[in-house]
Amino acid sequence: MQSGNKTESNKPVCVGIIMDGNRRWAKEHNLFVFEGHMAGYKKLKEVLKWSKEAGIRYLIVYAFSTENWKRKKDEVDYLMNLFRFMLSAEKESLRQDKIRVKCIGDIARLPKDLQKNITETERETETFDGLTLVACLSYGGRDEILHAIKKIAEEKKPLEIEKMTEEDVSQFLYTDGIPEPDLILRTSGEMRLSGFLPWQSIYSELFFTKTYWPDFTREEFDQILADFAGRKRRMGK
């Protein structure tokens, strides 16, 4: 995949979002952490709608990182159950809106039944062309690159490796077949990517907002798209 995607009328084809701030939002509202995650899920449903209306073709969301496995067991268990609920509860809306779902990351670390749910959802939505939602689950950027290196070593001969291009390497990443993000947004005030798509993001336009993810608004979303349209993307030229 070549760095940078062509856009029509300065509109991003692919948007990446680091959905940050659910736990802090819950704390500031005197709620349990779990309620922050549920509020984050509801916000994702809204942003999916906004993205589809804006003509965005791919939305990549950072849902659960490899580092998130280090959180307390009850929180991890809740998130796994939330993912199960999402895949079950949203089947009809995914069908109606023609939203394709793809999950990327070290999926083998997820509970077996969740892996099965993911496989079934991907299969059921694979022909939909309304918008593709890419959920990064058990995902880490360095882990993805290490996984690609191992696959290349397994499948390629030394002489083939010497001739490999960046495009060849991209085919071994979890995101094979998915455009690189034109725009990456992180909510909550943190100004770093935290392992989100390090290979794919080299020419992504970065946006950071202090708003916690559950409080993210349509107005902010539209303003970010407008700001993106005004940026000149030189791609190193």
Protein backbone atom coordinates (compact mmCIF):
# COMPACT_ATOMS: atom_id res chain seq x y z
CA MET A 1 0.00 0.00 0.00
CA GLN A 2 1.50 3.32 -1.00
CA SER A 3 1.82 6.06 1.57
CA GLY A 4 -1.01 8.56 1.33
CA ASN A 5 -4.35 8.06 -0.34
CA LYS A 6 -5.86 10.15 -3.08
CA THR A 7 -8.82 12.12 -1.80
CA GLU A 8 -11.80 13.49 -3.65
CA SER A 9 -12.51 17.17 -2.89
CA ASN A 10 -9.99 16.97 -0.02
CA LYS A 11 -12.15 14.42 1.74
CA PRO A 12 -10.42 11.64 3.69
CA VAL A 13 -10.93 8.13 2.37
CA CYS A 14 -9.74 6.52 5.60
CA VAL A 15 -9.93 7.95 9.13
CA GLY A 16 -8.26 6.49 12.21
CA ILE A 17 -9.50 7.27 15.72
CA ILE A 18 -7.86 6.66 19.08
CA MET A 19 -11.00 6.65 21.24
CA ASP A 20 -9.44 7.90 24.47
CA GLY A 21 -10.87 9.26 27.72
CA ASN A 22 -13.70 6.87 28.63
CA ARG A 23 -12.37 6.15 32.11
CA ARG A 24 -11.57 9.79 32.92
CA TRP A 25 -15.00 10.81 31.64
CA ALA A 26 -16.62 8.30 34.00
CA LYS A 27 -14.53 9.48 36.94
CA GLU A 28 -15.41 13.14 36.37
CA HIS A 29 -19.10 12.19 36.21
CA ASN A 30 -18.85 10.10 39.40
CA LEU A 31 -19.64 6.95 37.47
CA PHE A 32 -18.11 3.49 37.39
CA VAL A 33 -15.36 2.91 34.82
CA PHE A 34 -17.60 0.42 33.05
CA GLU A 35 -20.17 3.16 32.39
CA GLY A 36 -17.47 5.16 30.63
CA HIS A 37 -16.80 2.27 28.27
CA MET A 38 -20.52 1.90 27.54
CA ALA A 39 -20.72 5.62 26.80
CA GLY A 40 -17.75 5.19 24.47
CA TYR A 41 -19.55 2.40 22.62
CA LYS A 42 -22.60 4.62 22.14
CA LYS A 43 -20.38 7.41 20.81
CA LEU A 44 -18.82 5.04 18.29
CA LYS A 45 -22.31 4.30 16.95
CA GLU A 46 -22.82 8.04 16.41
CA VAL A 47 -19.45 8.52 14.75
CA LEU A 48 -20.13 5.62 12.40
CA LYS A 49 -23.26 7.44 11.26
CA TRP A 50 -21.41 10.75 10.84
CA SER A 51 -18.61 9.05 8.90
CA LYS A 52 -21.03 7.36 6.54
CA GLU A 53 -22.85 10.64 5.93
CA ALA A 54 -19.51 12.36 5.26
CA GLY A 55 -18.60 9.80 2.61
CA ILE A 56 -15.69 8.30 4.54
CA ARG A 57 -15.01 4.80 3.23
CA TYR A 58 -12.91 3.34 6.05
CA LEU A 59 -12.95 4.03 9.80
CA ILE A 60 -10.17 2.42 11.86
CA VAL A 61 -10.71 2.56 15.63
CA TYR A 62 -8.30 1.67 18.41
CA ALA A 63 -10.61 -0.42 20.59
CA PHE A 64 -8.23 -2.56 22.71
CA SER A 65 -4.45 -2.45 22.67
CA THR A 66 -1.93 -5.14 23.57
CA GLU A 67 -1.09 -3.02 26.63
CA ASN A 68 -4.75 -3.04 27.74
CA TRP A 69 -4.36 -6.70 28.71
CA LYS A 70 -2.46 -5.37 31.76
CA ARG A 71 -5.57 -3.71 33.17
CA LYS A 72 -7.53 -5.23 36.06
CA LYS A 73 -9.23 -8.50 35.22
CA ASP A 74 -12.74 -7.20 35.90
CA GLU A 75 -12.26 -4.34 33.46
CA VAL A 76 -10.78 -6.60 30.77
CA ASP A 77 -13.65 -9.06 31.27
CA TYR A 78 -16.16 -6.23 30.95
CA LEU A 79 -14.58 -5.04 27.70
CA MET A 80 -14.65 -8.56 26.26
CA ASN A 81 -18.33 -8.79 27.15
CA LEU A 82 -18.93 -5.36 25.61
CA PHE A 83 -17.32 -6.52 22.36
CA ARG A 84 -19.55 -9.61 22.43
CA PHE A 85 -22.60 -7.43 22.99
CA MET A 86 -21.65 -5.06 20.18
CA LEU A 87 -21.25 -7.84 17.64
CA SER A 88 -24.60 -9.30 18.63
CA ALA A 89 -26.66 -6.14 19.12
CA GLU A 90 -25.51 -4.35 15.98
CA LYS A 91 -26.10 -7.12 13.44
CA GLU A 92 -29.29 -5.60 12.07
CA SER A 93 -27.96 -2.03 11.92
CA LEU A 94 -24.80 -3.25 10.17
CA ARG A 95 -26.99 -4.99 7.60
CA GLN A 96 -29.23 -1.97 7.08
CA ASP A 97 -26.33 0.46 6.70
CA LYS A 98 -24.21 -1.97 4.65
CA ILE A 99 -21.29 -1.59 7.08
CA ARG A 100 -18.50 -4.10 6.67
CA VAL A 101 -16.64 -5.12 9.83
CA LYS A 102 -13.03 -6.23 10.02
CA CYS A 103 -11.07 -6.86 13.22
CA ILE A 104 -7.28 -6.69 13.23
CA GLY A 105 -4.64 -7.46 15.83
CA ASP A 106 -3.52 -10.52 17.77
CA ILE A 107 -7.02 -11.96 17.63
CA ALA A 108 -5.77 -15.35 18.91
CA ARG A 109 -5.42 -13.81 22.40
CA LEU A 110 -9.15 -13.08 22.58
CA PRO A 111 -11.59 -15.57 24.14
CA LYS A 112 -12.46 -18.40 21.74
CA ASP A 113 -16.16 -17.55 21.58
CA LEU A 114 -15.34 -13.92 20.76
CA GLN A 115 -12.99 -15.07 18.01
CA LYS A 116 -15.88 -17.09 16.57
CA ASN A 117 -18.23 -14.09 16.79
CA ILE A 118 -15.66 -11.95 14.98
CA THR A 119 -15.20 -14.52 12.21
CA GLU A 120 -18.96 -14.81 11.73
CA THR A 121 -19.48 -11.03 11.66
CA GLU A 122 -16.66 -10.55 9.16
CA ARG A 123 -18.11 -13.24 6.93
CA GLU A 124 -21.67 -11.89 7.16
CA THR A 125 -20.59 -8.33 6.29
CA GLU A 126 -17.77 -8.97 3.82
CA THR A 127 -19.83 -7.95 0.76
CA PHE A 128 -21.21 -4.73 2.28
CA ASP A 129 -19.96 -1.55 0.64
CA GLY A 130 -21.43 1.29 2.72
CA LEU A 131 -18.42 1.82 5.00
CA THR A 132 -15.75 -0.48 6.43
CA LEU A 133 -15.28 -0.40 10.20
CA VAL A 134 -11.86 -1.73 11.18
CA ALA A 135 -11.65 -2.50 14.89
CA CYS A 136 -8.14 -2.84 16.34
CA LEU A 137 -8.49 -5.51 19.04
CA SER A 138 -5.49 -6.79 20.97
CA TYR A 139 -3.52 -4.54 18.63
CA GLY A 140 -0.07 -3.02 19.02
CA GLY A 141 1.92 -1.35 16.28
CA ARG A 142 5.23 -2.98 17.17
CA ASP A 143 3.48 -6.33 17.58
CA GLU A 144 2.03 -5.93 14.07
CA ILE A 145 5.45 -5.21 12.55
CA LEU A 146 7.03 -8.11 14.45
CA HIS A 147 4.23 -10.38 13.21
CA ALA A 148 4.92 -9.23 9.64
CA ILE A 149 8.66 -9.89 9.99
CA LYS A 150 8.00 -13.43 11.19
CA LYS A 151 5.57 -14.10 8.32
CA ILE A 152 8.06 -12.77 5.78
CA ALA A 153 10.79 -14.98 7.22
CA GLU A 154 8.49 -18.00 7.00
CA GLU A 155 7.23 -17.42 3.47
CA LYS A 156 10.06 -15.67 1.63
CA LYS A 157 13.49 -16.88 0.58
CA PRO A 158 16.54 -14.70 1.38
CA LEU A 159 16.87 -13.49 -2.23
CA GLU A 160 13.18 -12.57 -2.31
CA ILE A 161 13.54 -10.62 0.94
CA GLU A 162 16.41 -8.58 -0.53
CA LYS A 163 14.14 -7.45 -3.38
CA MET A 164 11.14 -6.59 -1.21
CA THR A 165 9.60 -3.12 -1.41
CA GLU A 166 7.54 -1.19 1.13
CA GLU A 167 4.43 -2.27 -0.76
CA ASP A 168 5.49 -5.91 -0.40
CA VAL A 169 5.92 -5.52 3.35
CA SER A 170 2.50 -3.86 3.65
CA GLN A 171 0.91 -7.06 2.37
CA PHE A 172 2.07 -8.86 5.53
CA LEU A 173 0.54 -6.31 7.91
CA TYR A 174 -2.83 -6.76 9.59
CA THR A 175 -4.11 -3.88 7.45
CA ASP A 176 -3.43 -5.55 4.10
CA GLY A 177 -6.13 -4.37 1.71
CA ILE A 178 -7.07 -1.39 3.91
CA PRO A 179 -6.01 2.14 2.89
CA GLU A 180 -3.56 4.01 5.07
CA PRO A 181 -5.33 6.63 7.19
CA ASP A 182 -5.47 10.10 5.66
CA LEU A 183 -6.42 11.50 9.05
CA ILE A 184 -5.85 10.28 12.61
CA LEU A 185 -7.73 11.77 15.54
CA ARG A 186 -7.07 11.24 19.23
CA THR A 187 -9.49 12.46 21.87
CA SER A 188 -8.91 13.26 25.59
CA GLY A 189 -5.96 15.66 25.30
CA GLU A 190 -3.17 13.10 24.96
CA MET A 191 -0.86 13.97 22.06
CA ARG A 192 0.74 10.69 21.03
CA LEU A 193 -0.19 7.70 18.88
CA SER A 194 0.53 5.03 21.51
CA GLY A 195 1.38 2.29 19.02
CA PHE A 196 -1.53 3.02 16.67
CA LEU A 197 -0.61 2.13 13.07
CA PRO A 198 3.06 3.22 13.14
CA TRP A 199 3.82 1.86 9.66
CA GLN A 200 0.63 3.17 8.08
CA SER A 201 0.55 6.64 9.67
CA ILE A 202 3.73 8.22 8.31
CA TYR A 203 1.80 10.69 6.15
CA SER A 204 -1.44 10.84 8.12
CA GLU A 205 -2.67 14.27 9.15
CA LEU A 206 -2.87 14.29 12.96
CA PHE A 207 -5.57 15.95 15.02
CA PHE A 208 -5.82 16.08 18.81
CA THR A 209 -8.73 17.30 20.90
CA LYS A 210 -9.02 17.70 24.67
CA THR A 211 -12.57 16.38 24.53
CA TYR A 212 -13.10 12.97 26.12
CA TRP A 213 -14.38 10.40 23.64
CA PRO A 214 -17.93 10.14 25.11
CA ASP A 215 -18.29 13.94 24.79
CA PHE A 216 -17.01 14.17 21.21
CA THR A 217 -19.50 16.14 19.12
CA ARG A 218 -20.66 16.31 15.52
CA GLU A 219 -19.49 19.93 15.45
CA GLU A 220 -15.94 18.91 16.35
CA PHE A 221 -16.04 16.10 13.83
CA ASP A 222 -17.17 18.40 11.03
CA GLN A 223 -14.57 21.03 11.99
CA ILE A 224 -11.78 18.44 11.87
CA LEU A 225 -12.89 17.39 8.39
CA ALA A 226 -12.96 21.04 7.34
CA ASP A 227 -9.46 21.60 8.76
CA PHE A 228 -8.23 18.49 6.97
CA ALA A 229 -9.61 19.82 3.68
CA GLY A 230 -7.52 22.96 4.16
CA ARG A 231 -4.23 21.18 4.74
CA LYS A 232 -1.77 20.76 1.89
CA ARG A 233 -0.43 17.21 1.88
CA ARG A 234 3.00 17.22 0.24
CA MET A 235 3.87 13.60 1.06
CA GLY A 236 7.51 14.56 1.45
CA LYS A 237 7.73 16.27 -1.94
